Amino acid sequence: MPNIPVDVTPSHPLDQQPTIGLIGMGAMGTMYAKHLADAGWQKICVCDLPDKYESLKRTYRGVPGITVHADGHAVSRISDFIMYSVEAEFIGRVVSQYGPSTKVGAIVAGQTSVKAPEKAAFESHLPNDVHIVSLHSLHGPTVSPVGQPLVIIKHRAPDESVRIVENIFNCFKSRYVYLTYEDHDLVTANVQAVTHAAFLTMGTAWAAQRAYPWEQGQYVGGIETVKVNIMLRIYANKWHVYAGLAILNPSAKIQIDTYASSATELFKLMLAGDHDGLRQRIYAARESVFGVKETEQGSSTPIFLTEDVLDQFTIGGSTKRPGYSPTGHSAPKNNSHLALLAMVDCWARLSIQPFDHLALAATPVFRMWIGVAEYLFRSVSRLDAAINAAVYDVTHRSDDLEFVVAARGWSQCVAFGDFELYKDRFMQTATFFESRFEEANKIGGAMIKAIVDSNTPCNNVE
C-alpha cells in the first residue's frame, strides 16, 4: 500500500492517510462512518444502493472527511481500505459486482455477522493482488464500541496490513480479538445463537397472547427486567441482523434446534409432574455449565448482576421500591424461567462452555443473559423455587406453553433456511411491540451502561 505508514493515524499528512471505503450504509455502516469521521480521518468514501445516492448526499453534505459516491465501483477503485457492510445473505452478489474494481494492493474487509459466505465471496471475486483482513464489531449500532470486542481476521494479508487496520480502528477504543473465519462462526454461534433464540421466542410467545405481560404484574423486577427490556431491544433492531446468523451459520442451526428440543423436553417433565426428573436434569446442567455440584450453594453473590442493578430499569420508568410494579400489582410469584432453564440445558447437551467466550467475544446481550442465568443457577434457593414453580404452580403454565410452541416455530423457520419466512415471523411480532421500542431502547441502553459501569468482575474481562 504505497505512501501509507504502518503506524498511520488521523494526524498524519493527508497524502499519507488511507482512503477508507465503506460499501453499504445501513445502521452499522453509518456507525463506522461516524466514528471514523469523528476521529479525524479525512478521506472516507461511502456508498449504498444507487437509489439511495441522493439521500445519502444530503445526509453527509458538509460533514468533514466523508465523500458520497454513486456505487461500489467508484469506492473500490480509489480506496486503500474497503469494508463491505451488507447483509450476509447478499454479500456474494455485492462482492461479485464490485470486487473486480478493487484497487491493487488494497485491504478488503467485511462486517457481516456470519463469515462463511463472506469468505467464499472474497475468495471467488476479489483479485489476487489485494489483501483480506476482515472485521466484525460484536455489538449493535446503538452501543458504544468502547471496550467492546472487535474481531480481526487475518485471512490473506501480511502483518503490515493487519497493523494498518488496527491503527485505522484504534479510534473505536474496542478490544481486538483475533480469530480465523471458521473460529469466528463457531464462537459467534456460541455467544449469540441461543441467546437470540431465547429472546425472539419470548417475544413471539408474549405477542401470541396479545398482551404486554409486564403490565399485568407477572414480569416485573430482577430477571424479568432483563427479559422484557432485551426482548424489546432485539425486536426494535433489523430482522436481517439475526436472520443471517441463524440461517447461514451451520453451528447456529444446530444450537437453535437443540434449544427448542430442550424447552420441549423440560416442558414435558413439567406437565408430567416429574419434579425429581426435572430437578436431576437441571442440576446436571448446572454442574456442566457452572461447575457447581448439586450439594454446593455456589457463589453467594452473583458474578455479574444483582437485583439492585436490574430493578432500576422497570418498563414505565418507575422508581424501585419493594413489591412495586407499574400497575400497582404486588411483586410477581416465582415462575419456571423456562427460557433460562432451556438455555443452560442446551449448553450442557452441546458441551458449550459459555464462560470461555466472555473474555473472547461476548456481546452486551450475551453478558446480561449469562449474568441472569448465573444469578438463577448459582443459588439453590432460587433454582429450586423455579423448579417447584415449573411443576406445581400453573400461574405461568400458559406462558410456558406459548414459549415451547414459539421455540419450535423459530427452530423450524431456521431449518427451512427461508429469509422471507424469517422476516415475516420477526416483523409480525415486532409490529405488536412497536409502540414500546423507543422507551425500551433507552432503558436497554441505560441498563447495559449500568451493568458495565457497576463494580463487578464483569468489567475485568473487557
Protein backbone atom coordinates (compact mmCIF):
# COMPACT_ATOMS: atom_id res chain seq x y z
CA MET A 1 0.00 0.00 0.00
CA PRO A 2 2.08 2.95 -1.27
CA ASN A 3 2.61 6.01 0.96
CA ILE A 4 0.59 4.56 3.86
CA PRO A 5 2.71 4.26 7.02
CA VAL A 6 2.07 1.15 9.08
CA ASP A 7 1.60 3.32 12.19
CA VAL A 8 -0.78 5.71 10.40
CA THR A 9 -3.08 7.93 12.49
CA PRO A 10 -5.53 10.73 11.64
CA SER A 11 -2.80 13.24 12.47
CA HIS A 12 -0.63 12.11 9.55
CA PRO A 13 -0.47 14.37 6.47
CA LEU A 14 -3.37 13.92 4.08
CA ASP A 15 -1.28 12.25 1.40
CA GLN A 16 -0.18 9.58 3.91
CA GLN A 17 -3.66 8.75 5.18
CA PRO A 18 -5.51 5.76 3.69
CA THR A 19 -8.63 6.33 1.65
CA ILE A 20 -11.28 4.41 3.61
CA GLY A 21 -14.14 2.96 1.57
CA LEU A 22 -17.45 1.88 3.13
CA ILE A 23 -19.79 -0.08 0.85
CA GLY A 24 -23.19 -0.30 2.50
CA MET A 25 -24.53 2.46 4.72
CA GLY A 26 -27.08 0.71 6.87
CA ALA A 27 -27.00 1.04 10.64
CA MET A 28 -23.53 -0.46 11.09
CA GLY A 29 -22.00 1.27 8.08
CA THR A 30 -23.37 4.57 9.38
CA MET A 31 -21.89 3.88 12.82
CA TYR A 32 -18.49 3.15 11.29
CA ALA A 33 -18.58 6.31 9.20
CA LYS A 34 -19.47 8.45 12.21
CA HIS A 35 -16.71 7.13 14.48
CA LEU A 36 -14.08 7.30 11.74
CA ALA A 37 -15.05 10.86 10.80
CA ASP A 38 -15.23 11.97 14.44
CA ALA A 39 -11.70 10.60 14.92
CA GLY A 40 -10.41 12.90 12.19
CA TRP A 41 -9.88 10.54 9.24
CA GLN A 42 -10.16 12.82 6.24
CA LYS A 43 -10.64 10.51 3.26
CA ILE A 44 -13.75 8.42 3.86
CA CYS A 45 -15.66 7.30 0.77
CA VAL A 46 -19.14 5.85 1.22
CA CYS A 47 -21.88 4.42 -0.97
CA ASP A 48 -25.10 2.48 -0.74
CA LEU A 49 -27.69 1.25 -3.21
CA PRO A 50 -27.90 3.51 -6.29
CA ASP A 51 -31.43 4.64 -5.41
CA LYS A 52 -30.12 5.97 -2.08
CA TYR A 53 -27.39 8.09 -3.66
CA GLU A 54 -29.23 11.42 -3.50
CA SER A 55 -30.48 10.97 0.06
CA LEU A 56 -27.02 9.86 1.17
CA LYS A 57 -25.52 13.01 -0.37
CA ARG A 58 -27.99 15.13 1.58
CA THR A 59 -27.19 13.28 4.80
CA TYR A 60 -23.44 13.86 4.51
CA ARG A 61 -23.43 17.27 2.86
CA GLY A 62 -20.92 19.36 4.77
CA VAL A 63 -19.73 16.51 7.00
CA PRO A 64 -15.92 16.78 7.20
CA GLY A 65 -13.98 13.81 5.85
CA ILE A 66 -16.89 11.98 4.16
CA THR A 67 -17.50 11.87 0.40
CA VAL A 68 -20.53 10.09 -1.05
CA HIS A 69 -20.12 8.08 -4.26
CA ALA A 70 -22.67 6.65 -6.65
CA ASP A 71 -21.75 2.98 -6.28
CA GLY A 72 -19.23 0.42 -5.11
CA HIS A 73 -17.17 0.65 -8.30
CA ALA A 74 -16.31 4.28 -7.56
CA VAL A 75 -15.41 3.43 -3.95
CA SER A 76 -13.43 0.27 -4.74
CA ARG A 77 -11.14 1.72 -7.38
CA ILE A 78 -9.83 4.57 -5.18
CA SER A 79 -9.87 3.13 -1.64
CA ASP A 80 -6.87 1.70 0.21
CA PHE A 81 -9.10 0.03 2.79
CA ILE A 82 -12.57 -1.19 1.82
CA MET A 83 -15.24 -2.56 4.15
CA TYR A 84 -18.38 -4.29 2.89
CA SER A 85 -21.18 -3.69 5.37
CA VAL A 86 -24.03 -5.58 3.74
CA GLU A 87 -26.33 -8.38 4.80
CA ALA A 88 -24.73 -11.83 4.81
CA GLU A 89 -27.49 -13.03 2.51
CA PHE A 90 -26.34 -10.62 -0.21
CA ILE A 91 -22.57 -10.47 0.35
CA GLY A 92 -21.80 -12.82 -2.57
CA ARG A 93 -23.82 -10.79 -5.03
CA VAL A 94 -22.41 -7.43 -3.91
CA VAL A 95 -18.76 -8.57 -3.90
CA SER A 96 -19.15 -10.22 -7.31
CA GLN A 97 -20.39 -6.87 -8.61
CA TYR A 98 -17.82 -4.51 -7.08
CA GLY A 99 -14.90 -6.77 -6.11
CA PRO A 100 -13.22 -6.75 -9.55
CA SER A 101 -12.87 -2.95 -9.28
CA THR A 102 -10.76 -3.20 -6.10
CA LYS A 103 -7.62 -1.08 -6.17
CA VAL A 104 -4.36 -3.00 -6.49
CA GLY A 105 -2.83 -3.61 -3.05
CA ALA A 106 -5.95 -2.55 -1.14
CA ILE A 107 -7.09 -4.19 2.09
CA VAL A 108 -10.62 -5.58 1.99
CA ALA A 109 -12.84 -6.40 4.98
CA GLY A 110 -16.40 -7.49 5.60
CA GLN A 111 -18.63 -6.55 8.52
CA THR A 112 -21.04 -9.48 8.23
CA SER A 113 -22.18 -11.44 11.27
CA VAL A 114 -21.60 -14.78 9.50
CA LYS A 115 -18.23 -15.21 7.84
CA ALA A 116 -18.62 -18.40 5.77
CA PRO A 117 -20.50 -16.63 2.91
CA GLU A 118 -18.16 -13.65 3.18
CA LYS A 119 -15.05 -15.82 2.90
CA ALA A 120 -16.45 -17.59 -0.16
CA ALA A 121 -17.36 -14.27 -1.78
CA PHE A 122 -13.94 -12.72 -1.18
CA GLU A 123 -12.03 -15.77 -2.40
CA SER A 124 -14.19 -16.03 -5.52
CA HIS A 125 -14.48 -12.40 -6.59
CA LEU A 126 -11.56 -10.36 -5.25
CA PRO A 127 -8.40 -10.01 -7.38
CA ASN A 128 -5.36 -11.94 -6.15
CA ASP A 129 -3.37 -8.73 -5.72
CA VAL A 130 -5.49 -7.42 -2.82
CA HIS A 131 -5.31 -8.31 0.87
CA ILE A 132 -8.12 -9.68 3.06
CA VAL A 133 -8.28 -8.59 6.70
CA SER A 134 -11.87 -8.89 7.84
CA LEU A 135 -13.77 -7.41 10.78
CA HIS A 136 -16.81 -7.84 12.99
CA SER A 137 -17.91 -5.50 15.77
CA LEU A 138 -19.73 -7.73 18.24
CA HIS A 139 -22.37 -5.21 19.26
CA GLY A 140 -25.27 -3.34 17.74
CA PRO A 141 -25.11 0.10 16.12
CA THR A 142 -26.56 1.91 19.14
CA VAL A 143 -23.96 0.50 21.57
CA SER A 144 -20.72 2.41 22.07
CA PRO A 145 -17.76 0.46 20.63
CA VAL A 146 -15.57 1.45 23.57
CA GLY A 147 -14.37 -1.70 25.32
CA GLN A 148 -16.47 -3.98 23.11
CA PRO A 149 -14.88 -6.82 21.12
CA LEU A 150 -13.85 -6.07 17.53
CA VAL A 151 -12.89 -9.26 15.73
CA ILE A 152 -9.98 -9.03 13.29
CA ILE A 153 -9.49 -11.89 10.84
CA LYS A 154 -6.16 -12.08 9.02
CA HIS A 155 -7.01 -14.25 6.04
CA ARG A 156 -4.84 -13.27 3.10
CA ALA A 157 -2.51 -10.49 4.12
CA PRO A 158 0.93 -9.65 5.55
CA ASP A 159 1.29 -8.48 9.14
CA GLU A 160 1.72 -4.89 7.94
CA SER A 161 -1.83 -4.85 6.58
CA VAL A 162 -3.20 -6.05 9.90
CA ARG A 163 -1.33 -3.28 11.71
CA ILE A 164 -2.80 -0.67 9.35
CA VAL A 165 -6.31 -1.98 10.05
CA GLU A 166 -5.62 -1.87 13.79
CA ASN A 167 -4.45 1.73 13.52
CA ILE A 168 -7.46 2.78 11.45
CA PHE A 169 -9.81 1.48 14.14
CA ASN A 170 -7.88 2.49 17.25
CA CYS A 171 -10.33 5.38 17.45
CA PHE A 172 -13.11 2.90 18.32
CA LYS A 173 -11.26 2.02 21.55
CA SER A 174 -12.56 -1.51 21.10
CA ARG A 175 -10.85 -4.66 22.30
CA TYR A 176 -9.28 -6.54 19.39
CA VAL A 177 -9.99 -10.26 19.18
CA TYR A 178 -8.03 -12.28 16.62
CA LEU A 179 -9.83 -15.24 15.05
CA THR A 180 -9.99 -17.24 11.83
CA TYR A 181 -13.12 -17.20 9.69
CA GLU A 182 -14.05 -20.66 10.97
CA ASP A 183 -13.44 -19.89 14.64
CA HIS A 184 -15.43 -16.67 14.28
CA ASP A 185 -18.55 -18.50 13.14
CA LEU A 186 -18.27 -21.10 15.90
CA VAL A 187 -17.69 -18.53 18.65
CA THR A 188 -20.42 -16.15 17.47
CA ALA A 189 -22.87 -19.06 17.29
CA ASN A 190 -21.95 -19.98 20.86
CA VAL A 191 -22.50 -16.46 22.21
CA GLN A 192 -25.40 -15.37 20.03
CA ALA A 193 -27.48 -18.21 18.55
CA VAL A 194 -29.22 -19.50 21.68
CA THR A 195 -29.29 -16.03 23.26
CA HIS A 196 -31.12 -14.54 20.29
CA ALA A 197 -33.39 -17.58 20.00
CA ALA A 198 -34.45 -17.18 23.63
CA PHE A 199 -35.46 -13.53 23.26
CA LEU A 200 -37.09 -13.98 19.86
CA THR A 201 -39.10 -16.85 21.32
CA MET A 202 -40.17 -14.82 24.36
CA GLY A 203 -41.42 -12.02 22.15
CA THR A 204 -43.37 -14.33 19.86
CA ALA A 205 -44.90 -16.14 22.85
CA TRP A 206 -45.99 -12.92 24.54
CA ALA A 207 -47.29 -11.42 21.30
CA ALA A 208 -49.37 -14.56 20.71
CA GLN A 209 -51.24 -13.75 23.93
CA ARG A 210 -51.92 -10.20 22.71
CA ALA A 211 -50.86 -8.59 25.98
CA TYR A 212 -47.88 -6.84 27.48
CA PRO A 213 -47.28 -9.30 30.33
CA TRP A 214 -45.11 -6.97 32.40
CA GLU A 215 -48.14 -4.67 32.71
CA GLN A 216 -50.15 -7.49 34.29
CA GLY A 217 -47.77 -7.76 37.25
CA GLN A 218 -46.22 -11.04 36.10
CA TYR A 219 -42.87 -9.90 34.69
CA VAL A 220 -41.58 -7.12 36.93
CA GLY A 221 -38.17 -6.77 38.56
CA GLY A 222 -34.88 -8.62 38.63
CA ILE A 223 -34.52 -11.32 35.99
CA GLU A 224 -37.79 -10.21 34.40
CA THR A 225 -36.28 -6.79 33.79
CA VAL A 226 -33.64 -8.29 31.52
CA LYS A 227 -36.17 -10.49 29.73
CA VAL A 228 -38.52 -7.66 28.85
CA ASN A 229 -36.04 -4.92 28.02
CA ILE A 230 -33.71 -7.02 25.90
CA MET A 231 -36.59 -8.75 24.09
CA LEU A 232 -37.94 -5.33 23.11
CA ARG A 233 -34.49 -4.07 22.20
CA ILE A 234 -33.91 -7.02 19.85
CA TYR A 235 -37.26 -6.64 18.10
CA ALA A 236 -36.54 -2.93 17.65
CA ASN A 237 -33.48 -3.90 15.61
CA LYS A 238 -33.30 -5.02 11.97
CA TRP A 239 -34.55 -8.54 11.32
CA HIS A 240 -31.67 -9.42 8.98
CA VAL A 241 -29.14 -8.94 11.80
CA TYR A 242 -30.45 -12.13 13.39
CA ALA A 243 -31.58 -13.99 10.26
CA GLY A 244 -28.12 -14.16 8.73
CA LEU A 245 -26.52 -15.54 11.87
CA ALA A 246 -29.24 -18.14 12.39
CA ILE A 247 -29.73 -19.35 8.81
CA LEU A 248 -26.25 -19.12 7.30
CA ASN A 249 -24.21 -20.37 10.27
CA PRO A 250 -24.35 -24.20 10.49
CA SER A 251 -23.37 -24.17 14.17
CA ALA A 252 -26.20 -21.77 14.95
CA LYS A 253 -28.75 -24.01 13.27
CA ILE A 254 -27.73 -26.93 15.46
CA GLN A 255 -27.88 -24.83 18.62
CA ILE A 256 -31.29 -23.33 17.86
CA ASP A 257 -32.70 -26.78 17.15
CA THR A 258 -31.23 -28.09 20.42
CA TYR A 259 -32.65 -25.12 22.32
CA ALA A 260 -36.16 -25.85 21.04
CA SER A 261 -35.69 -29.51 21.93
CA SER A 262 -34.54 -28.62 25.45
CA ALA A 263 -37.54 -26.35 26.00
CA THR A 264 -39.90 -29.09 24.78
CA GLU A 265 -38.39 -31.86 26.89
CA LEU A 266 -38.31 -29.74 30.05
CA PHE A 267 -41.92 -28.72 29.49
CA LYS A 268 -42.94 -32.38 29.18
CA LEU A 269 -41.33 -33.07 32.55
CA MET A 270 -43.31 -30.15 33.97
CA LEU A 271 -46.58 -31.48 32.55
CA ALA A 272 -45.84 -34.96 33.89
CA GLY A 273 -45.29 -33.52 37.37
CA ASP A 274 -41.88 -35.21 37.41
CA HIS A 275 -40.22 -32.99 39.99
CA ASP A 276 -37.33 -35.35 40.65
CA GLY A 277 -36.64 -35.93 36.96
CA LEU A 278 -36.70 -32.19 36.20
CA ARG A 279 -34.52 -31.34 39.18
CA GLN A 280 -31.99 -34.04 38.31
CA ARG A 281 -31.70 -32.79 34.74
CA ILE A 282 -31.44 -29.11 35.71
CA TYR A 283 -28.81 -29.74 38.37
CA ALA A 284 -26.78 -31.84 35.94
CA ALA A 285 -26.83 -28.91 33.52
CA ARG A 286 -25.87 -26.59 36.39
CA GLU A 287 -22.78 -28.66 37.15
CA SER A 288 -21.83 -28.92 33.46
CA VAL A 289 -22.08 -25.19 32.71
CA PHE A 290 -21.29 -23.53 36.04
CA GLY A 291 -19.11 -26.19 37.65
CA VAL A 292 -21.22 -26.29 40.80
CA LYS A 293 -22.25 -29.68 42.20
CA GLU A 294 -25.80 -30.27 43.42
CA THR A 295 -24.75 -30.20 47.06
CA GLU A 296 -22.95 -26.88 46.68
CA GLN A 297 -24.58 -23.49 47.10
CA GLY A 298 -22.24 -21.76 44.70
CA SER A 299 -21.22 -18.14 44.93
CA SER A 300 -23.38 -16.25 47.41
CA THR A 301 -23.03 -13.13 45.28
CA PRO A 302 -23.65 -13.32 41.53
CA ILE A 303 -20.57 -12.57 39.47
CA PHE A 304 -22.40 -10.27 37.07
CA LEU A 305 -25.79 -8.99 38.10
CA THR A 306 -27.75 -8.10 41.20
CA GLU A 307 -31.39 -7.23 41.78
CA ASP A 308 -30.30 -3.74 42.86
CA VAL A 309 -28.78 -3.07 39.45
CA LEU A 310 -31.59 -4.63 37.43
CA ASP A 311 -34.54 -3.18 39.32
CA GLN A 312 -33.57 0.35 38.31
CA PHE A 313 -34.92 -0.33 34.84
CA THR A 314 -38.58 -1.31 35.06
CA ILE A 315 -40.57 -0.59 31.90
CA GLY A 316 -42.60 2.55 32.51
CA GLY A 317 -39.73 4.45 34.11
CA SER A 318 -40.84 3.53 37.62
CA THR A 319 -38.74 4.01 40.71
CA LYS A 320 -37.82 0.82 42.52
CA ARG A 321 -39.43 0.05 45.84
CA PRO A 322 -40.27 -3.30 47.45
CA GLY A 323 -43.20 -5.07 45.82
CA TYR A 324 -43.75 -2.27 43.32
CA SER A 325 -44.98 -2.71 39.77
CA PRO A 326 -46.15 -0.04 37.28
CA THR A 327 -49.77 -1.16 37.53
CA GLY A 328 -49.84 -1.42 41.29
CA HIS A 329 -49.67 -5.22 41.37
CA SER A 330 -47.72 -6.92 44.13
CA ALA A 331 -44.35 -8.47 43.32
CA PRO A 332 -44.73 -11.42 40.93
CA LYS A 333 -44.71 -15.03 42.04
CA ASN A 334 -41.85 -17.34 41.20
CA ASN A 335 -42.04 -18.81 37.75
CA SER A 336 -40.26 -21.61 35.93
CA HIS A 337 -37.89 -19.34 34.00
CA LEU A 338 -38.20 -21.93 31.23
CA ALA A 339 -36.20 -19.77 28.82
CA LEU A 340 -33.20 -19.85 31.16
CA LEU A 341 -33.56 -23.49 32.13
CA ALA A 342 -33.68 -24.47 28.45
CA MET A 343 -30.65 -22.33 27.62
CA VAL A 344 -28.42 -23.89 30.25
CA ASP A 345 -29.75 -27.37 29.44
CA CYS A 346 -28.98 -26.73 25.75
CA TRP A 347 -25.42 -25.60 26.53
CA ALA A 348 -24.88 -28.69 28.67
CA ARG A 349 -26.16 -31.03 25.95
CA LEU A 350 -23.85 -29.43 23.37
CA SER A 351 -20.87 -29.26 25.79
CA ILE A 352 -20.68 -25.49 25.30
CA GLN A 353 -18.74 -23.61 27.97
CA PRO A 354 -20.10 -20.05 27.71
CA PHE A 355 -17.67 -18.56 30.21
CA ASP A 356 -14.82 -19.45 27.85
CA HIS A 357 -16.18 -16.86 25.42
CA LEU A 358 -16.66 -13.98 27.84
CA ALA A 359 -13.14 -12.63 27.52
CA LEU A 360 -13.02 -13.58 23.86
CA ALA A 361 -16.08 -12.32 22.05
CA ALA A 362 -19.05 -11.71 24.32
CA THR A 363 -21.75 -9.29 23.14
CA PRO A 364 -23.50 -6.98 25.63
CA VAL A 365 -26.72 -9.01 25.35
CA PHE A 366 -24.83 -12.26 25.95
CA ARG A 367 -23.18 -10.79 29.04
CA MET A 368 -26.55 -9.91 30.50
CA TRP A 369 -28.17 -13.21 29.60
CA ILE A 370 -25.40 -15.35 31.05
CA GLY A 371 -25.44 -12.99 34.03
CA VAL A 372 -29.09 -13.68 34.83
CA ALA A 373 -28.58 -17.40 34.13
CA GLU A 374 -25.77 -17.44 36.65
CA TYR A 375 -27.88 -15.41 39.09
CA LEU A 376 -30.56 -18.10 38.92
CA PHE A 377 -28.42 -21.23 38.73
CA ARG A 378 -25.80 -20.48 41.37
CA SER A 379 -28.47 -20.05 44.05
CA VAL A 380 -30.00 -23.31 45.27
CA SER A 381 -32.99 -21.45 46.72
CA ARG A 382 -33.74 -19.54 43.52
CA LEU A 383 -33.23 -22.58 41.31
CA ASP A 384 -35.37 -24.83 43.48
CA ALA A 385 -38.07 -22.16 43.54
CA ALA A 386 -38.08 -22.14 39.72
CA ILE A 387 -38.25 -25.95 39.56
CA ASN A 388 -41.07 -26.06 42.12
CA ALA A 389 -42.98 -23.37 40.23
CA ALA A 390 -42.48 -25.28 36.98
CA VAL A 391 -44.03 -28.44 38.40
CA TYR A 392 -46.57 -27.27 40.97
CA ASP A 393 -47.61 -23.70 40.08
CA VAL A 394 -49.70 -23.27 36.94
CA THR A 395 -49.70 -19.45 37.08
CA HIS A 396 -47.23 -19.23 34.18
CA ARG A 397 -48.13 -22.54 32.54
CA SER A 398 -49.92 -20.92 29.60
CA ASP A 399 -46.90 -18.66 29.00
CA ASP A 400 -44.61 -21.69 29.09
CA LEU A 401 -46.82 -23.47 26.55
CA GLU A 402 -46.68 -20.49 24.21
CA PHE A 403 -42.91 -20.37 24.71
CA VAL A 404 -42.44 -24.01 23.66
CA VAL A 405 -44.65 -23.53 20.60
CA ALA A 406 -42.73 -20.38 19.63
CA ALA A 407 -39.33 -22.04 20.20
CA ARG A 408 -40.22 -24.91 17.89
CA GLY A 409 -41.59 -22.46 15.35
CA TRP A 410 -38.36 -20.45 15.27
CA SER A 411 -36.31 -23.65 15.00
CA GLN A 412 -38.36 -24.84 12.03
CA CYS A 413 -38.11 -21.41 10.42
CA VAL A 414 -34.31 -21.52 10.66
CA ALA A 415 -34.18 -25.13 9.44
CA PHE A 416 -36.15 -24.16 6.32
CA GLY A 417 -33.49 -21.55 5.54
CA ASP A 418 -36.11 -19.14 4.23
CA PHE A 419 -35.21 -15.47 4.78
CA GLU A 420 -38.67 -14.22 3.81
CA LEU A 421 -40.33 -16.57 6.28
CA TYR A 422 -37.90 -15.41 8.97
CA LYS A 423 -38.64 -11.77 8.11
CA ASP A 424 -42.42 -12.31 8.21
CA ARG A 425 -42.23 -14.07 11.56
CA PHE A 426 -39.96 -11.40 13.03
CA MET A 427 -41.98 -8.45 11.73
CA GLN A 428 -45.28 -9.91 12.89
CA THR A 429 -44.00 -9.94 16.45
CA ALA A 430 -42.15 -6.63 16.14
CA THR A 431 -45.32 -4.88 14.98
CA PHE A 432 -47.11 -5.88 18.17
CA PHE A 433 -44.43 -4.34 20.40
CA GLU A 434 -43.59 -1.35 18.18
CA SER A 435 -45.19 1.25 20.44
CA ARG A 436 -42.73 0.35 23.22
CA PHE A 437 -39.50 0.38 21.21
CA GLU A 438 -38.38 3.95 21.93
CA GLU A 439 -38.66 3.50 25.68
CA ALA A 440 -37.10 0.04 25.56
CA ASN A 441 -34.08 1.23 23.60
CA LYS A 442 -33.44 4.00 26.10
CA ILE A 443 -33.88 1.70 29.09
CA GLY A 444 -31.90 -1.12 27.46
CA GLY A 445 -29.02 1.22 26.68
CA ALA A 446 -29.03 2.56 30.22
CA MET A 447 -29.12 -0.99 31.58
CA ILE A 448 -26.10 -2.02 29.51
CA LYS A 449 -24.20 1.04 30.70
CA ALA A 450 -25.13 0.47 34.34
CA ILE A 451 -24.06 -3.15 34.21
CA VAL A 452 -20.77 -2.30 32.52
CA ASP A 453 -20.14 0.56 34.93
CA SER A 454 -21.13 -1.37 38.03
CA ASN A 455 -18.40 -2.54 40.35
CA THR A 456 -18.46 -6.21 39.32
CA PRO A 457 -15.87 -8.60 37.89
CA CYS A 458 -17.73 -8.30 34.58
CA ASN A 459 -15.54 -5.30 33.88
CA ASN A 460 -12.38 -7.35 34.29
CA VAL A 461 -12.91 -9.27 31.07
CA GLU A 462 -13.22 -6.21 28.86
